[in-house]
PDB file of all heavy atoms in Angstrom:
ATOM      1  N   HIS A   1     -49.472  24.042 213.116  1.00  0.00           N
ATOM      2  CA  HIS A   1     -49.641  25.322 213.759  1.00  0.00           C
ATOM      3  C   HIS A   1     -50.730  26.072 212.976  1.00  0.00           C
ATOM      4  O   HIS A   1     -50.615  26.202 211.751  1.00  0.00           O
ATOM      5  CB  HIS A   1     -48.336  26.179 213.682  1.00  0.00           C
ATOM      6  CG  HIS A   1     -47.139  25.412 214.266  1.00  0.00           C
ATOM      7  ND1 HIS A   1     -46.862  25.518 215.619  1.00  0.00           N
ATOM      8  CD2 HIS A   1     -46.250  24.590 213.778  1.00  0.00           C
ATOM      9  CE1 HIS A   1     -45.798  24.765 215.896  1.00  0.00           C
ATOM     10  NE2 HIS A   1     -45.448  24.185 214.799  1.00  0.00           N
ATOM     11  N   ALA A   2     -51.722  26.550 213.687  1.00  0.00           N
ATOM     12  CA  ALA A   2     -52.874  27.267 213.058  1.00  0.00           C
ATOM     13  C   ALA A   2     -52.450  28.638 212.464  1.00  0.00           C
ATOM     14  O   ALA A   2     -51.815  29.410 213.082  1.00  0.00           O
ATOM     15  CB  ALA A   2     -53.979  27.451 214.075  1.00  0.00           C
ATOM     16  N   LEU A   3     -52.885  28.816 211.229  1.00  0.00           N
ATOM     17  CA  LEU A   3     -52.753  30.142 210.543  1.00  0.00           C
ATOM     18  C   LEU A   3     -54.082  30.894 210.594  1.00  0.00           C
ATOM     19  O   LEU A   3     -54.135  32.042 210.785  1.00  0.00           O
ATOM     20  CB  LEU A   3     -52.257  29.910 209.104  1.00  0.00           C
ATOM     21  CG  LEU A   3     -50.844  29.471 208.883  1.00  0.00           C
ATOM     22  CD1 LEU A   3     -50.597  29.214 207.393  1.00  0.00           C
ATOM     23  CD2 LEU A   3     -49.836  30.491 209.390  1.00  0.00           C
ATOM     24  N   ALA A   4     -55.143  30.140 210.297  1.00  0.00           N
ATOM     25  CA  ALA A   4     -56.478  30.690 210.220  1.00  0.00           C
ATOM     26  C   ALA A   4     -57.515  29.672 210.667  1.00  0.00           C
ATOM     27  O   ALA A   4     -57.360  28.528 210.444  1.00  0.00           O
ATOM     28  CB  ALA A   4     -56.732  31.245 208.882  1.00  0.00           C
ATOM     29  N   VAL A   5     -58.642  30.189 211.171  1.00  0.00           N
ATOM     30  CA  VAL A   5     -59.746  29.377 211.563  1.00  0.00           C
ATOM     31  C   VAL A   5     -60.993  30.007 210.935  1.00  0.00           C
ATOM     32  O   VAL A   5     -60.954  31.113 210.425  1.00  0.00           O
ATOM     33  CB  VAL A   5     -59.906  29.212 213.060  1.00  0.00           C
ATOM     34  CG1 VAL A   5     -58.731  28.434 213.643  1.00  0.00           C
ATOM     35  CG2 VAL A   5     -60.013  30.549 213.763  1.00  0.00           C
ATOM     36  N   ALA A   6     -62.129  29.256 210.970  1.00  0.00           N
ATOM     37  CA  ALA A   6     -63.330  29.726 210.350  1.00  0.00           C
ATOM     38  C   ALA A   6     -63.666  31.109 210.744  1.00  0.00           C
ATOM     39  O   ALA A   6     -63.477  31.481 211.922  1.00  0.00           O
ATOM     40  CB  ALA A   6     -64.478  28.792 210.788  1.00  0.00           C
ATOM     41  N   GLY A   7     -64.124  31.868 209.775  1.00  0.00           N
ATOM     42  CA  GLY A   7     -64.544  33.236 210.014  1.00  0.00           C
ATOM     43  C   GLY A   7     -63.364  34.298 209.970  1.00  0.00           C
ATOM     44  O   GLY A   7     -63.631  35.486 210.239  1.00  0.00           O
ATOM     45  N   SER A   8     -62.133  33.829 209.702  1.00  0.00           N
ATOM     46  CA  SER A   8     -61.049  34.793 209.715  1.00  0.00           C
ATOM     47  C   SER A   8     -60.603  35.160 208.306  1.00  0.00           C
ATOM     48  O   SER A   8     -59.555  35.467 207.969  1.00  0.00           O
ATOM     49  CB  SER A   8     -59.840  34.183 210.415  1.00  0.00           C
ATOM     50  OG  SER A   8     -59.342  33.075 209.795  1.00  0.00           O
ATOM     51  N   GLY A   9     -61.617  35.014 207.371  1.00  0.00           N
ATOM     52  CA  GLY A   9     -61.362  35.349 205.904  1.00  0.00           C
ATOM     53  C   GLY A   9     -60.821  36.714 205.670  1.00  0.00           C
ATOM     54  O   GLY A   9     -60.838  37.542 206.561  1.00  0.00           O
ATOM     55  N   GLY A  10     -60.362  36.926 204.484  1.00  0.00           N
ATOM     56  CA  GLY A  10     -59.803  38.223 204.103  1.00  0.00           C
ATOM     57  C   GLY A  10     -58.299  38.105 204.159  1.00  0.00           C
ATOM     58  O   GLY A  10     -57.710  37.291 204.835  1.00  0.00           O
ATOM     59  N   ARG A  11     -57.611  38.990 203.374  1.00  0.00           N
ATOM     60  CA  ARG A  11     -56.151  38.909 203.284  1.00  0.00           C
ATOM     61  C   ARG A  11     -55.534  39.219 204.672  1.00  0.00           C
ATOM     62  O   ARG A  11     -55.947  40.265 205.278  1.00  0.00           O
ATOM     63  CB  ARG A  11     -55.707  39.884 202.270  1.00  0.00           C
ATOM     64  CG  ARG A  11     -54.288  39.796 201.863  1.00  0.00           C
ATOM     65  CD  ARG A  11     -53.972  40.616 200.612  1.00  0.00           C
ATOM     66  NE  ARG A  11     -52.523  40.560 200.311  1.00  0.00           N
ATOM     67  CZ  ARG A  11     -52.050  41.000 199.182  1.00  0.00           C
ATOM     68  NH1 ARG A  11     -52.886  41.415 198.186  1.00  0.00           N
ATOM     69  NH2 ARG A  11     -50.789  40.956 198.958  1.00  0.00           N
ATOM     70  N   GLN A  12     -54.579  38.399 205.076  1.00  0.00           N
ATOM     71  CA  GLN A  12     -53.950  38.580 206.341  1.00  0.00           C
ATOM     72  C   GLN A  12     -52.534  38.079 206.323  1.00  0.00           C
ATOM     73  O   GLN A  12     -52.115  37.339 205.432  1.00  0.00           O
ATOM     74  CB  GLN A  12     -54.706  37.893 207.459  1.00  0.00           C
ATOM     75  CG  GLN A  12     -55.027  36.458 207.198  1.00  0.00           C
ATOM     76  CD  GLN A  12     -56.105  35.927 208.090  1.00  0.00           C
ATOM     77  OE1 GLN A  12     -55.808  35.583 209.224  1.00  0.00           O
ATOM     78  NE2 GLN A  12     -57.314  35.760 207.658  1.00  0.00           N
ATOM     79  N   SER A  13     -51.770  38.441 207.302  1.00  0.00           N
ATOM     80  CA  SER A  13     -50.379  38.090 207.413  1.00  0.00           C
ATOM     81  C   SER A  13     -50.113  37.470 208.780  1.00  0.00           C
ATOM     82  O   SER A  13     -50.508  38.132 209.778  1.00  0.00           O
ATOM     83  CB  SER A  13     -49.359  39.246 207.172  1.00  0.00           C
ATOM     84  OG  SER A  13     -48.103  38.829 207.234  1.00  0.00           O
ATOM     85  N   VAL A  14     -49.547  36.292 208.893  1.00  0.00           N
ATOM     86  CA  VAL A  14     -49.262  35.658 210.153  1.00  0.00           C
ATOM     87  C   VAL A  14     -47.822  35.250 210.238  1.00  0.00           C
ATOM     88  O   VAL A  14     -47.310  34.712 209.227  1.00  0.00           O
ATOM     89  CB  VAL A  14     -50.208  34.418 210.309  1.00  0.00           C
ATOM     90  CG1 VAL A  14     -49.847  33.664 211.589  1.00  0.00           C
ATOM     91  CG2 VAL A  14     -51.646  34.838 210.281  1.00  0.00           C
ATOM     92  N   THR A  15     -47.121  35.451 211.304  1.00  0.00           N
ATOM     93  CA  THR A  15     -45.764  35.075 211.516  1.00  0.00           C
ATOM     94  C   THR A  15     -45.759  34.041 212.644  1.00  0.00           C
ATOM     95  O   THR A  15     -46.332  34.178 213.690  1.00  0.00           O
ATOM     96  CB  THR A  15     -44.949  36.239 211.939  1.00  0.00           C
ATOM     97  OG1 THR A  15     -44.934  37.237 210.940  1.00  0.00           O
ATOM     98  CG2 THR A  15     -43.463  35.827 212.223  1.00  0.00           C
ATOM     99  N   ILE A  16     -45.099  32.862 212.308  1.00  0.00           N
ATOM    100  CA  ILE A  16     -45.059  31.775 213.263  1.00  0.00           C
ATOM    101  C   ILE A  16     -43.550  31.293 213.398  1.00  0.00           C
ATOM    102  O   ILE A  16     -42.909  30.990 212.425  1.00  0.00           O
ATOM    103  CB  ILE A  16     -45.856  30.583 212.759  1.00  0.00           C
ATOM    104  CG1 ILE A  16     -47.342  30.935 212.680  1.00  0.00           C
ATOM    105  CG2 ILE A  16     -45.605  29.293 213.581  1.00  0.00           C
ATOM    106  CD1 ILE A  16     -48.267  29.842 212.180  1.00  0.00           C
ATOM    107  N   PRO A  17     -43.055  31.226 214.689  1.00  0.00           N
ATOM    108  CA  PRO A  17     -41.755  30.613 214.903  1.00  0.00           C
ATOM    109  C   PRO A  17     -41.903  29.169 215.132  1.00  0.00           C
ATOM    110  O   PRO A  17     -42.761  28.680 215.863  1.00  0.00           O
ATOM    111  CB  PRO A  17     -41.302  31.336 216.166  1.00  0.00           C
ATOM    112  CG  PRO A  17     -42.545  31.681 216.883  1.00  0.00           C
ATOM    113  CD  PRO A  17     -43.607  31.853 215.825  1.00  0.00           C
ATOM    114  N   ILE A  18     -41.001  28.346 214.474  1.00  0.00           N
ATOM    115  CA  ILE A  18     -41.044  26.940 214.643  1.00  0.00           C
ATOM    116  C   ILE A  18     -39.621  26.405 214.929  1.00  0.00           C
ATOM    117  O   ILE A  18     -38.704  26.643 214.185  1.00  0.00           O
ATOM    118  CB  ILE A  18     -41.593  26.209 213.381  1.00  0.00           C
ATOM    119  CG1 ILE A  18     -42.978  26.701 213.075  1.00  0.00           C
ATOM    120  CG2 ILE A  18     -41.491  24.663 213.499  1.00  0.00           C
ATOM    121  CD1 ILE A  18     -43.534  26.122 211.782  1.00  0.00           C
ATOM    122  N   GLN A  19     -39.442  25.742 216.024  1.00  0.00           N
ATOM    123  CA  GLN A  19     -38.180  25.196 216.469  1.00  0.00           C
ATOM    124  C   GLN A  19     -37.768  24.099 215.433  1.00  0.00           C
ATOM    125  O   GLN A  19     -38.595  23.282 214.984  1.00  0.00           O
ATOM    126  CB  GLN A  19     -38.244  24.568 217.851  1.00  0.00           C
ATOM    127  CG  GLN A  19     -37.123  23.846 218.335  1.00  0.00           C
ATOM    128  CD  GLN A  19     -35.940  24.793 218.712  1.00  0.00           C
ATOM    129  OE1 GLN A  19     -35.385  25.347 217.821  1.00  0.00           O
ATOM    130  NE2 GLN A  19     -35.654  24.893 219.945  1.00  0.00           N
ATOM    131  N   LEU A  20     -36.535  24.164 214.963  1.00  0.00           N
ATOM    132  CA  LEU A  20     -36.081  23.251 213.957  1.00  0.00           C
ATOM    133  C   LEU A  20     -35.130  22.056 214.446  1.00  0.00           C
ATOM    134  O   LEU A  20     -34.967  21.123 213.721  1.00  0.00           O
ATOM    135  CB  LEU A  20     -35.273  23.978 212.881  1.00  0.00           C
ATOM    136  CG  LEU A  20     -36.089  24.917 211.996  1.00  0.00           C
ATOM    137  CD1 LEU A  20     -35.101  25.560 210.956  1.00  0.00           C
ATOM    138  CD2 LEU A  20     -37.207  24.237 211.247  1.00  0.00           C
ATOM    139  N   SER A  21     -34.651  22.160 215.673  1.00  0.00           N
ATOM    140  CA  SER A  21     -33.646  21.173 216.102  1.00  0.00           C
ATOM    141  C   SER A  21     -34.186  19.732 216.064  1.00  0.00           C
ATOM    142  O   SER A  21     -33.386  18.871 215.883  1.00  0.00           O
ATOM    143  CB  SER A  21     -33.219  21.504 217.509  1.00  0.00           C
ATOM    144  OG  SER A  21     -32.549  22.716 217.568  1.00  0.00           O
ATOM    145  N   ASP A  22     -35.450  19.520 216.144  1.00  0.00           N
ATOM    146  CA  ASP A  22     -35.965  18.140 216.104  1.00  0.00           C
ATOM    147  C   ASP A  22     -36.603  17.806 214.790  1.00  0.00           C
ATOM    148  O   ASP A  22     -37.321  16.780 214.624  1.00  0.00           O
ATOM    149  CB  ASP A  22     -36.965  17.882 217.211  1.00  0.00           C
ATOM    150  CG  ASP A  22     -38.174  18.791 217.163  1.00  0.00           C
ATOM    151  OD1 ASP A  22     -38.087  19.876 216.480  1.00  0.00           O
ATOM    152  OD2 ASP A  22     -39.212  18.491 217.794  1.00  0.00           O
ATOM    153  N   LYS A  23     -36.436  18.687 213.791  1.00  0.00           N
ATOM    154  CA  LYS A  23     -37.071  18.478 212.521  1.00  0.00           C
ATOM    155  C   LYS A  23     -36.154  17.653 211.509  1.00  0.00           C
ATOM    156  O   LYS A  23     -34.934  17.656 211.699  1.00  0.00           O
ATOM    157  CB  LYS A  23     -37.428  19.795 211.823  1.00  0.00           C
ATOM    158  CG  LYS A  23     -38.358  20.628 212.639  1.00  0.00           C
ATOM    159  CD  LYS A  23     -39.622  19.932 212.989  1.00  0.00           C
ATOM    160  CE  LYS A  23     -40.664  20.792 213.705  1.00  0.00           C
ATOM    161  NZ  LYS A  23     -40.729  20.544 215.052  1.00  0.00           N
ATOM    162  N   LEU A  24     -36.685  16.993 210.552  1.00  0.00           N
ATOM    163  CA  LEU A  24     -36.038  16.161 209.605  1.00  0.00           C
ATOM    164  C   LEU A  24     -35.485  17.013 208.486  1.00  0.00           C
ATOM    165  O   LEU A  24     -36.205  17.736 207.823  1.00  0.00           O
ATOM    166  CB  LEU A  24     -36.946  15.067 209.052  1.00  0.00           C
ATOM    167  CG  LEU A  24     -36.321  14.049 208.148  1.00  0.00           C
ATOM    168  CD1 LEU A  24     -35.240  13.217 208.898  1.00  0.00           C
ATOM    169  CD2 LEU A  24     -37.371  13.121 207.620  1.00  0.00           C
ATOM    170  N   GLN A  25     -34.207  16.900 208.255  1.00  0.00           N
ATOM    171  CA  GLN A  25     -33.606  17.650 207.200  1.00  0.00           C
ATOM    172  C   GLN A  25     -33.102  16.710 206.070  1.00  0.00           C
ATOM    173  O   GLN A  25     -32.573  15.658 206.346  1.00  0.00           O
ATOM    174  CB  GLN A  25     -32.387  18.412 207.763  1.00  0.00           C
ATOM    175  CG  GLN A  25     -31.750  19.469 206.847  1.00  0.00           C
ATOM    176  CD  GLN A  25     -30.698  20.300 207.554  1.00  0.00           C
ATOM    177  OE1 GLN A  25     -30.140  19.883 208.600  1.00  0.00           O
ATOM    178  NE2 GLN A  25     -30.476  21.470 207.054  1.00  0.00           N
ATOM    179  N   ASP A  26     -33.460  17.031 204.816  1.00  0.00           N
ATOM    180  CA  ASP A  26     -33.153  16.220 203.709  1.00  0.00           C
ATOM    181  C   ASP A  26     -31.698  16.350 203.402  1.00  0.00           C
ATOM    182  O   ASP A  26     -30.928  17.147 203.925  1.00  0.00           O
ATOM    183  CB  ASP A  26     -33.975  16.630 202.481  1.00  0.00           C
ATOM    184  CG  ASP A  26     -34.211  15.531 201.460  1.00  0.00           C
ATOM    185  OD1 ASP A  26     -33.519  14.485 201.584  1.00  0.00           O
ATOM    186  OD2 ASP A  26     -35.034  15.709 200.583  1.00  0.00           O
ATOM    187  N   THR A  27     -31.150  15.447 202.469  1.00  0.00           N
ATOM    188  CA  THR A  27     -29.686  15.462 202.192  1.00  0.00           C
ATOM    189  C   THR A  27     -29.276  16.695 201.544  1.00  0.00           C
ATOM    190  O   THR A  27     -28.086  17.069 201.568  1.00  0.00           O
ATOM    191  CB  THR A  27     -29.421  14.257 201.252  1.00  0.00           C
ATOM    192  OG1 THR A  27     -30.335  14.304 200.143  1.00  0.00           O
ATOM    193  CG2 THR A  27     -29.593  12.905 201.945  1.00  0.00           C
ATOM    194  N   ASP A  28     -30.114  17.476 200.882  1.00  0.00           N
ATOM    195  CA  ASP A  28     -29.802  18.748 200.253  1.00  0.00           C
ATOM    196  C   ASP A  28     -29.881  19.881 201.265  1.00  0.00           C
ATOM    197  O   ASP A  28     -29.843  21.032 200.932  1.00  0.00           O
ATOM    198  CB  ASP A  28     -30.567  19.059 199.012  1.00  0.00           C
ATOM    199  CG  ASP A  28     -32.067  19.261 199.243  1.00  0.00           C
ATOM    200  OD1 ASP A  28     -32.514  19.143 200.452  1.00  0.00           O
ATOM    201  OD2 ASP A  28     -32.821  19.543 198.279  1.00  0.00           O
ATOM    202  N   ARG A  29     -30.130  19.550 202.590  1.00  0.00           N
ATOM    203  CA  ARG A  29     -30.248  20.468 203.718  1.00  0.00           C
ATOM    204  C   ARG A  29     -31.602  21.205 203.654  1.00  0.00           C
ATOM    205  O   ARG A  29     -31.776  22.165 204.445  1.00  0.00           O
ATOM    206  CB  ARG A  29     -29.061  21.520 203.705  1.00  0.00           C
ATOM    207  CG  ARG A  29     -27.785  20.854 203.904  1.00  0.00           C
ATOM    208  CD  ARG A  29     -27.133  21.260 205.170  1.00  0.00           C
ATOM    209  NE  ARG A  29     -25.907  20.447 205.352  1.00  0.00           N
ATOM    210  CZ  ARG A  29     -25.047  20.739 206.250  1.00  0.00           C
ATOM    211  NH1 ARG A  29     -25.248  21.757 207.024  1.00  0.00           N
ATOM    212  NH2 ARG A  29     -24.034  19.917 206.370  1.00  0.00           N
ATOM    213  N   SER A  30     -32.482  20.854 202.837  1.00  0.00           N
ATOM    214  CA  SER A  30     -33.869  21.498 202.806  1.00  0.00           C
ATOM    215  C   SER A  30     -34.688  20.906 203.889  1.00  0.00           C
ATOM    216  O   SER A  30     -34.445  19.835 204.383  1.00  0.00           O
ATOM    217  CB  SER A  30     -34.467  21.366 201.463  1.00  0.00           C
ATOM    218  OG  SER A  30     -34.880  20.014 201.209  1.00  0.00           O
ATOM    219  N   ILE A  31     -35.712  21.649 204.302  1.00  0.00           N
ATOM    220  CA  ILE A  31     -36.750  21.152 205.208  1.00  0.00           C
ATOM    221  C   ILE A  31     -38.048  21.287 204.416  1.00  0.00           C
ATOM    222  O   ILE A  31     -38.254  22.159 203.623  1.00  0.00           O
ATOM    223  CB  ILE A  31     -36.796  21.940 206.521  1.00  0.00           C
ATOM    224  CG1 ILE A  31     -36.903  23.448 206.306  1.00  0.00           C
ATOM    225  CG2 ILE A  31     -35.551  21.582 207.341  1.00  0.00           C
ATOM    226  CD1 ILE A  31     -37.149  24.226 207.536  1.00  0.00           C
ATOM    227  N   ASP A  32     -39.036  20.373 204.812  1.00  0.00           N
ATOM    228  CA  ASP A  32     -40.276  20.332 204.133  1.00  0.00           C
ATOM    229  C   ASP A  32     -41.390  21.115 204.936  1.00  0.00           C
ATOM    230  O   ASP A  32     -41.492  20.843 206.121  1.00  0.00           O
ATOM    231  CB  ASP A  32     -40.756  18.939 203.944  1.00  0.00           C
ATOM    232  CG  ASP A  32     -39.902  18.127 203.049  1.00  0.00           C
ATOM    233  OD1 ASP A  32     -39.258  18.704 202.126  1.00  0.00           O
ATOM    234  OD2 ASP A  32     -39.859  16.892 203.188  1.00  0.00           O
ATOM    235  N   VAL A  33     -42.019  22.098 204.337  1.00  0.00           N
ATOM    236  CA  VAL A  33     -43.097  22.791 204.983  1.00  0.00           C
ATOM    237  C   VAL A  33     -44.400  22.441 204.223  1.00  0.00           C
ATOM    238  O   VAL A  33     -44.460  22.436 203.012  1.00  0.00           O
ATOM    239  CB  VAL A  33     -42.880  24.309 204.852  1.00  0.00           C
ATOM    240  CG1 VAL A  33     -44.029  25.104 205.367  1.00  0.00           C
ATOM    241  CG2 VAL A  33     -41.584  24.729 205.639  1.00  0.00           C
ATOM    242  N   MET A  34     -45.376  22.077 205.017  1.00  0.00           N
ATOM    243  CA  MET A  34     -46.687  21.638 204.435  1.00  0.00           C
ATOM    244  C   MET A  34     -47.845  22.526 204.939  1.00  0.00           C
ATOM    245  O   MET A  34     -47.840  22.748 206.168  1.00  0.00           O
ATOM    246  CB  MET A  34     -46.945  20.167 204.753  1.00  0.00           C
ATOM    247  CG  MET A  34     -48.240  19.616 204.129  1.00  0.00           C
ATOM    248  SD  MET A  34     -47.955  19.131 202.364  1.00  0.00           S
ATOM    249  CE  MET A  34     -47.018  17.618 202.541  1.00  0.00           C
ATOM    250  N   PHE A  35     -48.687  22.950 204.051  1.00  0.00           N
ATOM    251  CA  PHE A  35     -49.945  23.629 204.457  1.00  0.00           C
ATOM    252  C   PHE A  35     -51.030  22.612 204.436  1.00  0.00           C
ATOM    253  O   PHE A  35     -51.180  21.827 203.467  1.00  0.00           O
ATOM    254  CB  PHE A  35     -50.196  24.782 203.456  1.00  0.00           C
ATOM    255  CG  PHE A  35     -49.178  25.919 203.567  1.00  0.00           C
ATOM    256  CD1 PHE A  35     -48.112  25.930 202.729  1.00  0.00           C
ATOM    257  CD2 PHE A  35     -49.313  26.881 204.503  1.00  0.00           C
ATOM    258  CE1 PHE A  35     -47.118  26.861 202.779  1.00  0.00           C
ATOM    259  CE2 PHE A  35     -48.379  27.901 204.577  1.00  0.00           C
ATOM    260  CZ  PHE A  35     -47.297  27.945 203.715  1.00  0.00           C
ATOM    261  N   PHE A  36     -51.886  22.653 205.420  1.00  0.00           N
ATOM    262  CA  PHE A  36     -53.075  21.836 205.547  1.00  0.00           C
ATOM    263  C   PHE A  36     -54.307  22.654 205.563  1.00  0.00           C
ATOM    264  O   PHE A  36     -54.534  23.456 206.519  1.00  0.00           O
ATOM    265  CB  PHE A  36     -52.983  21.027 206.899  1.00  0.00           C
ATOM    266  CG  PHE A  36     -51.751  20.160 206.994  1.00  0.00           C
ATOM    267  CD1 PHE A  36     -50.574  20.713 207.516  1.00  0.00           C
ATOM    268  CD2 PHE A  36     -51.798  18.838 206.625  1.00  0.00           C
ATOM    269  CE1 PHE A  36     -49.475  19.905 207.644  1.00  0.00           C
ATOM    270  CE2 PHE A  36     -50.684  18.041 206.747  1.00  0.00           C
ATOM    271  CZ  PHE A  36     -49.487  18.599 207.257  1.00  0.00           C
ATOM    272  N   ALA A  37     -55.150  22.545 204.529  1.00  0.00           N
ATOM    273  CA  ALA A  37     -56.377  23.307 204.424  1.00  0.00           C
ATOM    274  C   ALA A  37     -57.549  22.394 204.677  1.00  0.00           C
ATOM    275  O   ALA A  37     -57.691  21.305 204.137  1.00  0.00           O
ATOM    276  CB  ALA A  37     -56.440  23.966 203.046  1.00  0.00           C
ATOM    277  N   THR A  38     -58.608  22.939 205.410  1.00  0.00           N
ATOM    278  CA  THR A  38     -59.818  22.170 205.685  1.00  0.00           C
ATOM    279  C   THR A  38     -60.940  23.052 205.274  1.00  0.00           C
ATOM    280  O   THR A  38     -61.097  24.196 205.827  1.00  0.00           O
ATOM    281  CB  THR A  38     -59.928  21.826 207.138  1.00  0.00           C
ATOM    282  OG1 THR A  38     -58.775  21.049 207.520  1.00  0.00           O
ATOM    283  CG2 THR A  38     -61.142  20.939 207.357  1.00  0.00           C
ATOM    284  N   ALA A  39     -61.742  22.669 204.327  1.00  0.00           N
ATOM    285  CA  ALA A  39     -62.904  23.355 203.826  1.00  0.00           C
ATOM    286  C   ALA A  39     -64.160  22.836 204.478  1.00  0.00           C
ATOM    287  O   ALA A  39     -64.243  21.666 204.840  1.00  0.00           O
ATOM    288  CB  ALA A  39     -62.965  23.321 202.312  1.00  0.00           C
ATOM    289  N   GLU A  40     -65.166  23.714 204.591  1.00  0.00           N
ATOM    290  CA  GLU A  40     -66.462  23.249 205.139  1.00  0.00           C
ATOM    291  C   GLU A  40     -67.092  22.259 204.095  1.00  0.00           C
ATOM    292  O   GLU A  40     -67.142  22.554 202.976  1.00  0.00           O
ATOM    293  CB  GLU A  40     -67.368  24.412 205.345  1.00  0.00           C
ATOM    294  CG  GLU A  40     -68.682  24.081 206.014  1.00  0.00           C
ATOM    295  CD  GLU A  40     -69.485  25.332 206.337  1.00  0.00           C
ATOM    296  OE1 GLU A  40     -68.936  26.406 206.334  1.00  0.00           O
ATOM    297  OE2 GLU A  40     -70.681  25.133 206.728  1.00  0.00           O
ATOM    298  N   GLY A  41     -67.504  21.154 204.659  1.00  0.00           N
ATOM    299  CA  GLY A  41     -68.129  20.171 203.794  1.00  0.00           C
ATOM    300  C   GLY A  41     -67.105  19.482 202.871  1.00  0.00           C
ATOM    301  O   GLY A  41     -67.506  18.959 201.838  1.00  0.00           O
ATOM    302  N   ALA A  42     -65.854  19.536 203.161  1.00  0.00           N
ATOM    303  CA  ALA A  42     -64.792  19.002 202.261  1.00  0.00           C
ATOM    304  C   ALA A  42     -64.962  17.516 202.015  1.00  0.00           C
ATOM    305  O   ALA A  42     -64.877  17.055 200.867  1.00  0.00           O
ATOM    306  CB  ALA A  42     -63.374  19.256 202.911  1.00  0.00           C
TER     307      ALA A  42
END
């Protein structure tokens, strides 16, 4: 789910709802959240 795209720099706050019913839950009942960053010329 996109949080920011090119040109949206600066401090910001984004709220995203994500359905969990089909997500994988670990044995300790935690769920894994991952952030994916793409830099120009990465």
